[in-house]
C-alpha cells in the first residue's frame, strides 16, 4: 500500500492510517475527519488539507494530535522511516463503499461508480476499489463499456 512504502509522502501516510481506522456507524466507515479533528483538538479541515496535498508539514502539536487520532506512531507519521502500523482488515463491502465515497469526493463520473457497484464483492482494499472506479471512468471516456476487473490477488496470499 502506498502509505506504507518507504519514502511515502505525509498525505499518503495520513490517508493510509485513516483508511485503517476501525469502521464506525451503520455505513462501517472510518470516523469522519471532522469527528477526529473535534475529538483530538485539531484545526478544522486539517485532514482534508493534508490529504489533498495543500498542507505538506505539521506543527509539532498538530502532528502529535494527528498521530494520536490516527492511532499511529508519531515518528512514522512524520517521516515514514519507522515500521508502518499493520493494516486493519475491513469487509469487502466496507472497502468498496469507502472507495465510492472517495470517488464522489473526487467528482468521478457517477456512471463509473455505478459500474463498480454492480461488480461482485472482491476482497480488494479501498485504494484498489478506487483504482477500479478510475479504470471504469477511463473506459467510459474511450467509449468502452465495463470490463472484467483484473485479478490483483487475494490479500494476505
Protein backbone atom coordinates (compact mmCIF):
# COMPACT_ATOMS: atom_id res chain seq x y z
CA UNK A 1 0.00 0.00 0.00
CA UNK A 2 1.33 3.40 -0.99
CA UNK A 3 1.33 4.94 2.50
CA UNK A 4 3.33 2.00 3.86
CA UNK A 5 6.14 2.24 1.30
CA UNK A 6 9.45 3.79 2.21
CA UNK A 7 9.50 7.39 1.04
CA UNK A 8 5.70 7.79 1.03
CA UNK A 9 4.52 11.35 1.50
CA UNK A 10 2.75 12.72 4.57
CA UNK A 11 -0.53 12.80 2.66
CA UNK A 12 -0.16 9.12 1.73
CA UNK A 13 0.67 8.14 5.31
CA UNK A 14 -2.27 10.11 6.71
CA UNK A 15 -4.69 8.64 4.17
CA UNK A 16 -3.40 5.11 4.80
CA UNK A 17 -3.70 5.49 8.57
CA UNK A 18 -7.20 6.99 8.26
CA UNK A 19 -8.32 4.14 5.95
CA UNK A 20 -7.12 1.66 8.55
CA UNK A 21 -9.09 3.12 11.46
CA UNK A 22 -11.79 0.77 12.73
CA UNK A 23 -15.07 1.38 10.89
CA UNK A 24 -17.92 3.01 12.82
CA UNK A 25 -21.61 3.62 12.31
CA UNK A 26 -24.13 1.91 10.07
CA UNK A 27 -22.05 2.58 6.93
CA UNK A 28 -18.99 0.97 8.53
CA UNK A 29 -16.63 3.79 7.50
CA UNK A 30 -13.67 5.27 9.37
CA UNK A 31 -14.60 8.21 11.62
CA UNK A 32 -15.09 11.44 9.69
CA UNK A 33 -12.24 13.93 9.53
CA UNK A 34 -14.42 16.42 11.40
CA UNK A 35 -15.06 13.94 14.22
CA UNK A 36 -11.33 13.21 14.58
CA UNK A 37 -10.46 16.92 14.47
CA UNK A 38 -13.01 17.82 17.15
CA UNK A 39 -12.17 14.86 19.40
CA UNK A 40 -8.41 15.47 19.28
CA UNK A 41 -8.33 19.29 19.24
CA UNK A 42 -7.05 19.61 15.68
CA UNK A 43 -7.74 22.63 13.44
CA UNK A 44 -10.87 22.27 11.34
CA UNK A 45 -10.11 20.93 7.86
CA UNK A 46 -6.54 19.85 8.59
CA UNK A 47 -7.11 16.26 7.44
CA UNK A 48 -8.55 17.40 4.11
CA UNK A 49 -5.70 19.87 3.59
CA UNK A 50 -3.05 17.22 4.31
CA UNK A 51 -4.67 14.51 2.15
CA UNK A 52 -5.20 16.93 -0.74
CA UNK A 53 -1.54 18.00 -0.53
CA UNK A 54 -2.34 21.62 0.36
CA UNK A 55 -0.54 21.13 3.68
CA UNK A 56 2.76 19.24 3.48
CA UNK A 57 4.04 19.79 7.04
CA UNK A 58 2.51 19.87 10.50
CA UNK A 59 3.37 21.74 13.66
CA UNK A 60 4.68 19.50 16.43
CA UNK A 61 1.44 19.94 18.38
CA UNK A 62 -0.78 19.07 15.41
CA UNK A 63 1.46 16.14 14.44
CA UNK A 64 1.21 14.69 17.94
CA UNK A 65 -2.56 15.07 17.99
CA UNK A 66 -2.95 13.66 14.48
CA UNK A 67 -0.81 10.62 15.34
CA UNK A 68 -3.00 10.07 18.39
CA UNK A 69 -6.20 10.48 16.33
CA UNK A 70 -4.93 8.00 13.72
CA UNK A 71 -3.50 5.61 16.33
CA UNK A 72 -0.05 5.52 14.69
CA UNK A 73 3.47 6.23 15.97
CA UNK A 74 4.43 9.90 15.68
CA UNK A 75 7.77 9.02 14.09
CA UNK A 76 6.03 7.02 11.33
CA UNK A 77 3.51 9.78 10.68
CA UNK A 78 6.23 12.43 10.34
CA UNK A 79 8.91 10.51 8.45
CA UNK A 80 7.61 7.10 7.41
CA UNK A 81 11.02 5.76 8.40
CA UNK A 82 9.93 3.54 11.28
CA UNK A 83 7.87 0.41 10.77
CA UNK A 84 4.40 1.12 9.42
CA UNK A 85 1.45 0.04 11.52
CA UNK A 86 -0.11 -3.22 10.40
CA UNK A 87 -3.19 -2.73 8.21
CA UNK A 88 -6.51 -3.48 9.82
CA UNK A 89 -8.99 -5.59 7.93
CA UNK A 90 -12.41 -4.45 6.74
CA UNK A 91 -15.16 -6.19 4.87
CA UNK A 92 -15.11 -6.07 1.05
CA UNK A 93 -18.39 -4.12 1.12
CA UNK A 94 -16.99 -1.52 3.53
CA UNK A 95 -13.85 -1.19 1.39
CA UNK A 96 -15.90 -0.67 -1.78
CA UNK A 97 -18.20 1.84 -0.03
CA UNK A 98 -15.21 3.82 1.19
CA UNK A 99 -13.78 3.93 -2.33
CA UNK A 100 -17.15 5.11 -3.67
CA UNK A 101 -17.19 7.89 -1.09
CA UNK A 102 -13.69 8.98 -2.19
CA UNK A 103 -14.72 8.80 -5.84
CA UNK A 104 -17.66 11.11 -5.21
CA UNK A 105 -15.41 13.46 -3.27
CA UNK A 106 -13.05 13.50 -6.27
CA UNK A 107 -16.06 14.10 -8.58
CA UNK A 108 -15.59 10.96 -10.65
CA UNK A 109 -18.31 10.23 -13.20
CA UNK A 110 -21.30 8.68 -11.43
CA UNK A 111 -21.66 6.13 -14.26
CA UNK A 112 -18.22 4.73 -13.37
CA UNK A 113 -19.28 4.42 -9.74
CA UNK A 114 -22.47 2.62 -10.77
CA UNK A 115 -20.43 0.18 -12.86
CA UNK A 116 -18.40 -0.78 -9.79
CA UNK A 117 -21.45 -1.03 -7.54
CA UNK A 118 -22.78 -3.98 -9.56
CA UNK A 119 -19.49 -5.91 -9.53
CA UNK A 120 -19.07 -8.88 -7.20
CA UNK A 121 -17.55 -8.03 -3.83
CA UNK A 122 -13.91 -8.84 -4.42
CA UNK A 123 -11.60 -8.69 -1.35
CA UNK A 124 -9.88 -5.51 -2.58
CA UNK A 125 -8.57 -2.67 -0.43
CA UNK A 126 -10.34 0.70 -0.64
CA UNK A 127 -7.46 2.01 -2.77
CA UNK A 128 -7.82 -0.93 -5.20
CA UNK A 129 -11.57 -0.28 -5.48
CA UNK A 130 -10.84 3.39 -6.23
CA UNK A 131 -8.45 2.30 -8.99
CA UNK A 132 -11.25 0.11 -10.37
CA UNK A 133 -13.61 3.11 -10.41
CA UNK A 134 -10.96 5.18 -12.20
CA UNK A 135 -10.50 2.37 -14.74
CA UNK A 136 -14.25 2.35 -15.41
CA UNK A 137 -14.17 6.13 -15.88
CA UNK A 138 -11.29 5.80 -18.35
CA UNK A 139 -13.25 3.15 -20.27
CA UNK A 140 -16.26 5.48 -20.42
CA UNK A 141 -14.07 8.25 -21.83
CA UNK A 142 -12.83 5.86 -24.50
CA UNK A 143 -16.39 4.84 -25.33
CA UNK A 144 -15.95 1.35 -23.95
CA UNK A 145 -18.22 -0.44 -21.52
CA UNK A 146 -17.26 -2.14 -18.29
CA UNK A 147 -14.60 -4.80 -18.37
CA UNK A 148 -13.83 -7.72 -16.11
CA UNK A 149 -11.66 -6.39 -13.26
CA UNK A 150 -8.06 -7.55 -13.23
CA UNK A 151 -7.13 -10.28 -10.79
CA UNK A 152 -4.96 -8.45 -8.29
CA UNK A 153 -4.76 -11.40 -5.97
CA UNK A 154 -6.15 -12.14 -2.58
CA UNK A 155 -4.91 -10.00 0.33
CA UNK A 156 -2.56 -11.89 2.57
CA UNK A 157 -1.87 -14.59 -0.01
